[in-house]
Amino acid sequence: MTLVSEKERILVVDDAPDTLELVQRNLSAADYEVMTAMNASDAIRILETVPVDLVITDYKMPQVSGLDLTRHVRENLKDTEVMMITGYPTIQGAVTAVKLGAQEYLTKPFTDEELLSSVRRILDVLRVRRQAQNGVETELTILTGLIGESRVMRETFQAIRKAATAKATVLISGESGTGKELAARAIHYSGARASLPFVPVNCGSIPENLLESELFGHVKGAFTGASETRAGFFQTADGGTIFLDEISDTSLAMQAKLLRVLQEGEIYMVGSSRAQTVDVRVVAATNKDLRMLVKNRVFREDLYFRLNVIALTMPPLRERDNDVLLLTAHYARKYSEELGRAVPQFTDEALQVLANYHWPGNVRELENIIQRVVVMTDSNVIDVPDLPPSMRFAVARDNRLDRTLAEVEAEYIRNVLAGVGGNKTQAAEILGIDRKTLREKLKSLELEPQSG
């Protein structure tokens, strides 16, 4: 958690006493000043009395709903943010909440970490915006989670500043785990659209047959199961920014539809012949070489040029000099504070290992490892043996040339999984394959653990 000179004030509004108590307890433990109200009327009276940084409101409440409270805050309090929570999740509800000004939309039941992560993210954005409004030079080293002091990161921060002042599309490239979405958020929240929606979409995680409907929405009866008209991500992002992550995973047919949006500023909902105009800034990202994909005719050249108006490359962690140690200190402090522990000290030997490691998973891998050692290490001193086995020196074993390719592959996959604590999503990203392919490899190589 980012330390501030004064406690940030949060107002929690929910007609369920159990939810109020739970959220208040978790936020108070994270060192926020927390006030509560059981209805919108009481909340408005509090807001008229004391300044509040963040309102967390339930969606459904008697008399005045959370949507109405969100609209009241947005139209009357320009220095207060809103987060919506609900036990009745619908995509249309999320669209409406974001349209009215809610920065986050959290579905019950949510974990403590999901709650705190959302709160931190909103308050970080609020803090940056206040600094900018007050004429204070904002250090992008903390903007939406981006941290770094190396030369390449300072150049990256400079590129983000320039991109934020323009309206053109941005193409962010870089390896998995380098912070492409964080860069996209920094561009959005540093620009003129900062108060409007930022909508991230992972194109690779949505099945191809559903992607068009998710992006552009659909009308009732457009296909089997379309029981109601539903807006898509582009409508949600209207006026703001849509972040299309893993744009390289889209089909040629979908690329043609995206090209039309960029050229005409219009979308067609699935099942509709009527165009809808949208004002959306597009930021796209990929961990693949789009130029090579264009050459191989699996990515449209015209779309590539439309996306690549402003090009930004996120550097891999291994090229960022001492940023590894800076990030290590940041994540050690962050996760120690979450656990209510003293920040551990790293030995010089452990820091040397961290600095010399290749970091195939980049910043995401580093964060995962630091979180795990902070949680799992009882001592207040972290040494080399506390780090994952794949990072420690070992006398070469089984480095024979008589092993099959499957044996070598199995060993590498096993080491990567160990390095990320068994997290298959992160392992797949490091290996450069999708999660489905990893599952198939684990099954074929008999590495899948037995259920029980």
Protein backbone atom coordinates (compact mmCIF):
# COMPACT_ATOMS: atom_id res chain seq x y z
CA MET A 1 0.00 0.00 0.00
CA THR A 2 1.28 3.48 -0.90
CA LEU A 3 2.07 5.49 2.21
CA VAL A 4 0.60 9.01 2.39
CA SER A 5 1.05 11.85 4.86
CA GLU A 6 -2.64 11.88 5.81
CA LYS A 7 -5.12 9.04 5.97
CA GLU A 8 -7.41 8.87 2.97
CA ARG A 9 -11.09 9.02 3.92
CA ILE A 10 -13.54 6.43 2.60
CA LEU A 11 -17.32 6.37 3.00
CA VAL A 12 -18.95 2.92 2.76
CA VAL A 13 -22.68 2.84 2.00
CA ASP A 14 -24.64 -0.42 2.26
CA ASP A 15 -27.96 -1.40 3.80
CA ALA A 16 -26.47 -4.74 4.94
CA PRO A 17 -24.81 -4.37 8.40
CA ASP A 18 -22.58 -7.43 7.86
CA THR A 19 -21.14 -6.00 4.66
CA LEU A 20 -20.59 -2.62 6.28
CA GLU A 21 -18.71 -4.20 9.17
CA LEU A 22 -16.58 -6.40 6.91
CA VAL A 23 -15.55 -3.63 4.54
CA GLN A 24 -14.94 -1.17 7.39
CA ARG A 25 -12.74 -3.66 9.24
CA ASN A 26 -10.62 -4.47 6.18
CA LEU A 27 -10.14 -0.86 5.15
CA SER A 28 -9.37 0.31 8.68
CA ALA A 29 -6.76 -2.44 8.97
CA ALA A 30 -5.18 -1.05 5.78
CA ASP A 31 -4.88 2.34 7.55
CA TYR A 32 -7.71 4.19 5.85
CA GLU A 33 -10.13 6.45 7.73
CA VAL A 34 -13.53 4.80 7.25
CA MET A 35 -17.05 6.14 7.74
CA THR A 36 -20.26 4.21 7.11
CA ALA A 37 -23.87 4.88 6.18
CA MET A 38 -26.77 2.45 5.73
CA ASN A 39 -28.59 4.49 3.08
CA ALA A 40 -27.93 7.13 0.45
CA SER A 41 -29.63 9.93 2.41
CA ASP A 42 -27.27 9.50 5.38
CA ALA A 43 -24.35 9.26 2.97
CA ILE A 44 -25.25 12.57 1.31
CA ARG A 45 -25.45 14.28 4.71
CA ILE A 46 -21.94 13.03 5.52
CA LEU A 47 -20.66 14.18 2.12
CA GLU A 48 -22.05 17.65 2.78
CA THR A 49 -20.22 17.78 6.11
CA VAL A 50 -16.73 16.36 5.54
CA PRO A 51 -14.49 15.84 2.48
CA VAL A 52 -14.36 12.23 1.32
CA ASP A 53 -11.84 10.73 -1.09
CA LEU A 54 -13.79 7.61 -2.07
CA VAL A 55 -17.41 6.46 -1.79
CA ILE A 56 -17.98 2.69 -1.88
CA THR A 57 -21.68 2.09 -2.43
CA ASP A 58 -23.94 -0.91 -2.80
CA TYR A 59 -25.85 -1.14 -6.09
CA LYS A 60 -29.33 -1.99 -4.76
CA MET A 61 -30.59 -0.04 -1.77
CA PRO A 62 -34.12 1.05 -0.72
CA GLN A 63 -35.45 4.45 -1.81
CA VAL A 64 -32.26 5.90 -3.34
CA SER A 65 -30.11 3.39 -5.27
CA GLY A 66 -26.36 3.21 -5.55
CA LEU A 67 -26.65 4.41 -9.15
CA ASP A 68 -28.42 7.56 -8.01
CA LEU A 69 -25.82 8.11 -5.31
CA THR A 70 -23.05 7.66 -7.90
CA ARG A 71 -24.64 10.27 -10.13
CA HIS A 72 -25.03 12.65 -7.16
CA VAL A 73 -21.34 12.32 -6.29
CA ARG A 74 -20.20 12.73 -9.89
CA GLU A 75 -22.30 15.86 -10.49
CA ASN A 76 -21.72 17.54 -7.13
CA LEU A 77 -18.29 16.46 -5.86
CA LYS A 78 -15.53 16.72 -8.45
CA ASP A 79 -12.80 15.59 -6.03
CA THR A 80 -14.48 12.36 -4.83
CA GLU A 81 -14.32 8.98 -6.56
CA VAL A 82 -16.92 6.18 -6.50
CA MET A 83 -16.69 2.38 -6.43
CA MET A 84 -19.80 0.22 -6.89
CA ILE A 85 -20.30 -3.15 -5.15
CA THR A 86 -23.19 -5.49 -5.79
CA GLY A 87 -24.51 -8.96 -5.12
CA TYR A 88 -26.62 -8.84 -8.29
CA PRO A 89 -24.03 -8.61 -11.08
CA THR A 90 -25.08 -7.86 -14.64
CA ILE A 91 -23.02 -6.51 -17.51
CA GLN A 92 -25.63 -3.85 -18.15
CA GLY A 93 -25.38 -2.80 -14.50
CA ALA A 94 -21.63 -2.46 -14.81
CA VAL A 95 -22.01 -0.44 -18.01
CA THR A 96 -24.48 1.92 -16.34
CA ALA A 97 -22.34 2.32 -13.21
CA VAL A 98 -19.24 3.16 -15.26
CA LYS A 99 -21.22 5.53 -17.47
CA LEU A 100 -22.43 7.42 -14.39
CA GLY A 101 -18.90 7.77 -13.07
CA ALA A 102 -17.99 4.73 -10.95
CA GLN A 103 -14.29 3.96 -11.34
CA GLU A 104 -14.61 0.30 -10.32
CA TYR A 105 -17.42 -2.28 -10.21
CA LEU A 106 -16.88 -5.10 -7.68
CA THR A 107 -19.08 -8.18 -7.43
CA LYS A 108 -19.97 -9.82 -4.10
CA PRO A 109 -18.56 -11.97 -2.67
CA PHE A 110 -15.13 -10.40 -3.16
CA THR A 111 -11.86 -11.20 -1.45
CA ASP A 112 -10.00 -8.83 0.86
CA GLU A 113 -7.28 -8.47 -1.78
CA GLU A 114 -9.79 -7.65 -4.54
CA LEU A 115 -11.28 -4.93 -2.35
CA LEU A 116 -7.94 -3.42 -1.34
CA SER A 117 -6.51 -3.60 -4.88
CA SER A 118 -9.51 -1.72 -6.28
CA VAL A 119 -9.33 0.89 -3.54
CA ARG A 120 -5.58 1.41 -4.03
CA ARG A 121 -5.99 1.73 -7.78
CA ILE A 122 -8.73 4.37 -7.49
CA LEU A 123 -6.93 6.41 -4.83
CA ASP A 124 -3.64 6.31 -6.75
CA VAL A 125 -5.41 7.80 -9.78
CA LEU A 126 -7.09 10.42 -7.57
CA ARG A 127 -3.75 11.35 -6.00
CA VAL A 128 -2.07 11.79 -9.39
CA ARG A 129 -4.93 13.90 -10.70
CA ARG A 130 -4.83 16.17 -7.64
CA GLN A 131 -1.11 16.72 -8.09
CA ALA A 132 -1.63 17.62 -11.73
CA GLN A 133 -4.48 20.02 -10.91
CA ASN A 134 -2.36 21.71 -8.24
CA GLY A 135 0.43 22.29 -10.73
CA VAL A 136 2.74 19.81 -9.00
CA GLU A 137 5.17 17.97 -11.26
CA THR A 138 3.90 14.39 -11.14
CA GLU A 139 6.47 11.61 -11.03
CA LEU A 140 5.31 8.86 -13.35
CA THR A 141 7.44 6.44 -11.34
CA ILE A 142 4.33 5.82 -9.23
CA LEU A 143 1.61 6.40 -11.82
CA THR A 144 -0.87 3.49 -11.73
CA GLY A 145 1.82 1.13 -10.52
CA LEU A 146 4.65 1.96 -12.95
CA ILE A 147 7.91 2.12 -11.01
CA GLY A 148 11.42 2.67 -12.33
CA GLU A 149 14.41 4.98 -12.36
CA SER A 150 16.50 3.37 -15.10
CA ARG A 151 17.30 5.24 -18.29
CA VAL A 152 14.98 3.11 -20.41
CA MET A 153 12.10 3.63 -17.99
CA ARG A 154 12.66 7.39 -17.90
CA GLU A 155 12.46 7.33 -21.69
CA THR A 156 9.28 5.27 -21.40
CA PHE A 157 7.76 7.80 -18.97
CA GLN A 158 8.59 10.59 -21.40
CA ALA A 159 6.88 8.67 -24.22
CA ILE A 160 3.80 8.14 -22.02
CA ARG A 161 3.60 11.87 -21.27
CA LYS A 162 3.70 12.69 -24.97
CA ALA A 163 1.14 10.01 -25.87
CA ALA A 164 -1.21 11.29 -23.15
CA THR A 165 -1.43 14.72 -24.80
CA ALA A 166 -2.53 13.30 -28.17
CA LYS A 167 -5.77 11.71 -29.41
CA ALA A 168 -4.12 9.23 -31.76
CA THR A 169 -4.21 5.46 -31.32
CA VAL A 170 -1.32 3.87 -29.44
CA LEU A 171 0.28 0.47 -29.98
CA ILE A 172 2.16 -0.84 -26.94
CA SER A 173 4.49 -3.76 -27.51
CA GLY A 174 6.56 -5.75 -25.07
CA GLU A 175 7.03 -9.13 -23.46
CA SER A 176 4.46 -10.56 -21.07
CA GLY A 177 4.66 -9.02 -17.62
CA THR A 178 6.35 -5.76 -18.64
CA GLY A 179 3.40 -3.57 -17.66
CA LYS A 180 1.61 -2.86 -20.94
CA GLU A 181 -1.77 -2.36 -19.26
CA LEU A 182 -0.21 -0.11 -16.63
CA ALA A 183 1.26 2.01 -19.43
CA ALA A 184 -2.16 2.18 -21.09
CA ARG A 185 -3.74 3.30 -17.81
CA ALA A 186 -1.01 5.91 -17.36
CA ILE A 187 -1.72 7.29 -20.85
CA HIS A 188 -5.45 7.46 -20.13
CA TYR A 189 -5.28 8.95 -16.64
CA SER A 190 -2.65 11.53 -17.66
CA GLY A 191 -4.77 12.84 -20.53
CA ALA A 192 -7.93 14.81 -21.16
CA ARG A 193 -10.12 11.69 -20.83
CA ALA A 194 -8.95 10.87 -17.29
CA SER A 195 -12.39 11.39 -15.74
CA LEU A 196 -14.05 9.14 -18.32
CA PRO A 197 -14.05 5.31 -18.53
CA PHE A 198 -10.95 3.20 -19.06
CA VAL A 199 -12.08 -0.22 -20.28
CA PRO A 200 -9.48 -3.03 -20.53
CA VAL A 201 -10.27 -6.00 -22.80
CA ASN A 202 -8.09 -9.09 -23.14
CA CYS A 203 -8.85 -10.19 -26.69
CA GLY A 204 -6.99 -13.47 -26.20
CA SER A 205 -9.16 -14.58 -23.29
CA ILE A 206 -12.52 -14.17 -25.06
CA PRO A 207 -13.61 -16.97 -27.44
CA GLU A 208 -13.65 -15.84 -31.06
CA ASN A 209 -17.37 -16.54 -31.45
CA LEU A 210 -18.15 -14.20 -28.51
CA LEU A 211 -15.63 -11.43 -29.13
CA GLU A 212 -17.75 -9.38 -31.54
CA SER A 213 -20.71 -9.38 -29.15
CA GLU A 214 -18.49 -8.49 -26.19
CA LEU A 215 -16.87 -5.60 -28.05
CA PHE A 216 -19.85 -4.14 -29.89
CA GLY A 217 -22.85 -5.52 -27.99
CA HIS A 218 -25.88 -7.28 -29.45
CA VAL A 219 -29.61 -6.74 -29.89
CA LYS A 220 -32.29 -8.98 -28.49
CA GLY A 221 -32.72 -12.11 -30.62
CA ALA A 222 -29.43 -11.66 -32.49
CA PHE A 223 -28.47 -15.24 -31.67
CA THR A 224 -29.56 -18.14 -29.48
CA GLY A 225 -29.45 -16.97 -25.88
CA ALA A 226 -29.61 -13.25 -26.69
CA SER A 227 -32.66 -12.66 -24.50
CA GLU A 228 -32.05 -8.93 -24.17
CA THR A 229 -30.20 -6.12 -25.88
CA ARG A 230 -26.78 -5.63 -24.28
CA ALA A 231 -24.15 -2.95 -24.75
CA GLY A 232 -20.56 -3.91 -25.46
CA PHE A 233 -17.17 -2.68 -24.30
CA PHE A 234 -16.99 0.06 -26.94
CA GLN A 235 -20.27 1.57 -25.71
CA THR A 236 -19.00 1.35 -22.13
CA ALA A 237 -15.82 3.17 -23.11
CA ASP A 238 -17.63 5.91 -25.04
CA GLY A 239 -15.84 9.20 -24.35
CA GLY A 240 -12.91 7.40 -22.74
CA THR A 241 -10.33 4.78 -23.66
CA ILE A 242 -10.56 1.12 -24.60
CA PHE A 243 -7.47 -1.01 -24.09
CA LEU A 244 -7.32 -3.97 -26.49
CA ASP A 245 -4.74 -6.30 -25.00
CA GLU A 246 -3.31 -9.13 -27.13
CA ILE A 247 -4.72 -7.57 -30.29
CA SER A 248 -2.67 -10.11 -32.28
CA ASP A 249 -5.03 -12.89 -31.16
CA THR A 250 -7.98 -11.49 -33.12
CA SER A 251 -9.11 -13.09 -36.39
CA LEU A 252 -8.85 -11.38 -39.78
CA ALA A 253 -12.64 -10.95 -39.77
CA MET A 254 -12.57 -9.20 -36.40
CA GLN A 255 -9.62 -7.08 -37.52
CA ALA A 256 -11.74 -5.78 -40.40
CA LYS A 257 -14.46 -4.71 -37.94
CA LEU A 258 -11.92 -2.98 -35.69
CA LEU A 259 -10.48 -1.18 -38.71
CA ARG A 260 -13.93 0.18 -39.50
CA VAL A 261 -14.25 1.55 -35.97
CA LEU A 262 -10.91 3.33 -36.26
CA GLN A 263 -11.71 4.73 -39.71
CA GLU A 264 -15.35 5.70 -39.26
CA GLY A 265 -15.86 5.94 -35.50
CA GLU A 266 -18.88 3.66 -35.87
CA ILE A 267 -19.88 0.23 -34.59
CA TYR A 268 -22.65 -2.19 -35.44
CA MET A 269 -24.20 -4.24 -32.65
CA VAL A 270 -24.55 -7.91 -33.52
CA GLY A 271 -27.96 -8.35 -35.15
CA SER A 272 -28.36 -4.67 -36.00
CA SER A 273 -27.98 -2.89 -39.34
CA ARG A 274 -27.91 0.56 -37.73
CA ALA A 275 -24.53 2.15 -37.06
CA GLN A 276 -23.76 3.73 -33.69
CA THR A 277 -21.22 6.52 -33.37
CA VAL A 278 -18.67 6.15 -30.56
CA ASP A 279 -15.93 8.47 -29.37
CA VAL A 280 -13.31 6.07 -28.04
CA ARG A 281 -9.55 6.33 -27.94
CA VAL A 282 -8.00 2.97 -28.78
CA VAL A 283 -4.84 1.74 -27.09
CA ALA A 284 -3.76 -1.72 -28.22
CA ALA A 285 -1.04 -4.04 -26.95
CA THR A 286 0.75 -7.17 -28.07
CA ASN A 287 3.64 -9.38 -27.00
CA LYS A 288 4.14 -10.55 -30.59
CA ASP A 289 5.85 -8.98 -33.59
CA LEU A 290 2.92 -7.56 -35.55
CA ARG A 291 5.14 -6.74 -38.52
CA MET A 292 6.02 -10.41 -38.83
CA LEU A 293 2.35 -11.34 -38.52
CA VAL A 294 1.57 -8.87 -41.30
CA LYS A 295 4.28 -10.43 -43.44
CA ASN A 296 2.76 -13.88 -42.77
CA ARG A 297 -0.70 -12.51 -43.68
CA VAL A 298 -2.31 -13.31 -40.34
CA PHE A 299 -2.65 -9.64 -39.35
CA ARG A 300 -4.06 -6.88 -41.59
CA GLU A 301 -1.46 -4.39 -42.75
CA ASP A 302 -3.99 -1.53 -42.88
CA LEU A 303 -5.06 -2.18 -39.27
CA TYR A 304 -1.42 -2.34 -38.19
CA PHE A 305 -0.76 1.12 -39.62
CA ARG A 306 -3.95 2.47 -38.05
CA LEU A 307 -2.92 1.17 -34.63
CA ASN A 308 0.75 2.09 -34.89
CA VAL A 309 0.29 5.86 -35.04
CA ILE A 310 2.08 6.20 -31.69
CA ALA A 311 4.37 3.27 -30.89
CA LEU A 312 5.47 2.51 -27.33
CA THR A 313 7.71 -0.39 -26.30
CA MET A 314 7.81 -1.56 -22.69
CA PRO A 315 11.35 -2.69 -21.87
CA PRO A 316 11.96 -6.14 -20.36
CA LEU A 317 13.08 -6.16 -16.74
CA ARG A 318 16.52 -7.58 -17.62
CA GLU A 319 17.29 -4.31 -19.49
CA ARG A 320 16.24 -2.02 -16.64
CA ASP A 321 19.46 -1.91 -14.62
CA ASN A 322 18.79 -1.45 -10.89
CA ASP A 323 15.01 -1.24 -11.24
CA VAL A 324 14.93 -4.86 -10.03
CA LEU A 325 16.13 -3.77 -6.60
CA LEU A 326 13.80 -0.77 -6.57
CA LEU A 327 10.83 -3.00 -7.39
CA THR A 328 11.95 -5.60 -4.85
CA ALA A 329 11.91 -2.97 -2.09
CA HIS A 330 8.50 -1.71 -3.25
CA TYR A 331 6.83 -5.12 -3.31
CA ALA A 332 8.45 -6.21 -0.04
CA ARG A 333 7.04 -3.11 1.63
CA LYS A 334 3.64 -3.54 -0.03
CA TYR A 335 3.08 -7.15 1.01
CA SER A 336 4.60 -6.72 4.47
CA GLU A 337 2.16 -3.90 5.18
CA GLU A 338 -0.73 -6.07 3.99
CA LEU A 339 0.33 -8.76 6.47
CA GLY A 340 1.00 -6.28 9.26
CA ARG A 341 4.64 -7.35 9.45
CA ALA A 342 7.93 -5.50 9.58
CA VAL A 343 9.51 -5.11 6.14
CA PRO A 344 12.10 -7.90 5.75
CA GLN A 345 15.74 -7.25 4.94
CA PHE A 346 17.35 -8.93 1.94
CA THR A 347 20.94 -10.11 2.26
CA ASP A 348 23.48 -8.81 -0.23
CA GLU A 349 23.70 -12.31 -1.69
CA ALA A 350 19.94 -12.52 -2.21
CA LEU A 351 19.89 -9.09 -3.85
CA GLN A 352 22.71 -10.17 -6.14
CA VAL A 353 20.75 -13.24 -7.24
CA LEU A 354 17.68 -11.10 -7.92
CA ALA A 355 19.73 -8.57 -9.89
CA ASN A 356 21.43 -11.24 -12.02
CA TYR A 357 18.32 -13.33 -12.78
CA HIS A 358 17.04 -13.23 -16.38
CA TRP A 359 13.37 -12.58 -15.40
CA PRO A 360 11.53 -14.27 -18.29
CA GLY A 361 8.21 -13.25 -16.67
CA ASN A 362 9.41 -9.67 -16.09
CA VAL A 363 7.80 -7.45 -13.42
CA ARG A 364 4.83 -9.78 -12.93
CA GLU A 365 7.19 -12.66 -12.11
CA LEU A 366 9.21 -10.47 -9.73
CA GLU A 367 6.10 -9.34 -7.86
CA ASN A 368 4.88 -12.93 -7.54
CA ILE A 369 8.21 -14.10 -6.13
CA ILE A 370 8.55 -11.26 -3.63
CA GLN A 371 4.98 -11.78 -2.43
CA ARG A 372 5.66 -15.48 -1.91
CA VAL A 373 8.92 -15.05 0.01
CA VAL A 374 7.36 -12.38 2.23
CA VAL A 375 4.43 -14.67 3.03
CA MET A 376 6.37 -17.90 3.40
CA THR A 377 9.55 -16.72 5.17
CA ASP A 378 9.31 -16.64 8.97
CA SER A 379 12.58 -14.77 9.49
CA ASN A 380 12.90 -11.02 9.06
CA VAL A 381 15.92 -11.65 6.85
CA ILE A 382 15.53 -13.08 3.34
CA ASP A 383 18.52 -14.99 2.02
CA VAL A 384 19.28 -16.98 -1.12
CA PRO A 385 17.77 -20.27 0.18
CA ASP A 386 14.43 -18.45 0.58
CA LEU A 387 14.28 -17.74 -3.16
CA PRO A 388 12.73 -20.21 -5.66
CA PRO A 389 14.91 -23.20 -6.62
CA SER A 390 15.07 -22.05 -10.25
CA MET A 391 16.94 -18.92 -9.13
CA ARG A 392 19.56 -20.64 -7.01
CA PHE A 393 22.84 -22.12 -8.14
CA ALA A 394 22.94 -25.90 -8.45
CA VAL A 395 25.53 -28.30 -9.77
CA ALA A 396 24.43 -29.34 -13.25
CA ARG A 397 22.43 -32.54 -13.19
CA ASP A 398 20.92 -34.58 -16.01
CA ASN A 399 22.52 -32.20 -18.48
CA ARG A 400 23.03 -35.10 -20.84
CA LEU A 401 22.62 -35.14 -24.58
CA ASP A 402 20.87 -38.50 -24.51
CA ARG A 403 17.58 -37.08 -23.16
CA THR A 404 14.55 -36.77 -25.39
CA LEU A 405 13.07 -33.39 -26.24
CA ALA A 406 10.01 -34.29 -24.14
CA GLU A 407 12.22 -34.88 -21.09
CA VAL A 408 13.97 -31.53 -21.52
CA GLU A 409 10.63 -29.77 -22.08
CA ALA A 410 9.09 -31.41 -19.01
CA GLU A 411 12.00 -30.27 -16.83
CA TYR A 412 11.77 -26.69 -18.09
CA ILE A 413 8.00 -26.49 -17.58
CA ARG A 414 8.41 -27.96 -14.09
CA ASN A 415 11.04 -25.30 -13.23
CA VAL A 416 8.87 -22.45 -14.55
CA LEU A 417 5.87 -23.67 -12.55
CA ALA A 418 8.03 -23.87 -9.43
CA GLY A 419 9.28 -20.35 -10.09
CA VAL A 420 5.77 -18.89 -10.10
CA GLY A 421 4.41 -20.97 -7.25
CA GLY A 422 2.30 -23.22 -9.48
CA ASN A 423 0.37 -20.34 -11.05
CA LYS A 424 -0.52 -21.74 -14.48
CA THR A 425 -1.61 -18.42 -15.94
CA GLN A 426 1.74 -16.81 -15.18
CA ALA A 427 3.64 -19.93 -16.24
CA ALA A 428 1.85 -19.90 -19.61
CA GLU A 429 2.80 -16.26 -20.12
CA ILE A 430 6.46 -16.97 -19.35
CA LEU A 431 6.46 -19.99 -21.68
CA GLY A 432 4.85 -17.94 -24.44
CA ILE A 433 1.80 -20.20 -24.79
CA ASP A 434 -1.82 -19.93 -23.77
CA ARG A 435 -3.25 -21.64 -20.69
CA LYS A 436 -5.08 -24.28 -22.74
CA THR A 437 -1.84 -25.31 -24.47
CA LEU A 438 -0.09 -25.50 -21.10
CA ARG A 439 -2.81 -27.77 -19.73
CA GLU A 440 -2.43 -30.04 -22.75
CA LYS A 441 1.35 -30.17 -22.30
CA LEU A 442 1.01 -30.94 -18.60
CA LYS A 443 -1.34 -33.78 -19.45
CA SER A 444 0.79 -35.20 -22.26
CA LEU A 445 3.99 -34.94 -20.20
CA GLU A 446 2.21 -36.39 -17.15
CA LEU A 447 2.99 -33.31 -15.07
CA GLU A 448 -0.61 -32.58 -14.09
CA PRO A 449 -1.03 -33.20 -10.34
CA GLN A 450 -3.48 -35.83 -9.31
CA SER A 451 -6.78 -34.50 -8.01
CA GLY A 452 -7.82 -35.45 -4.56
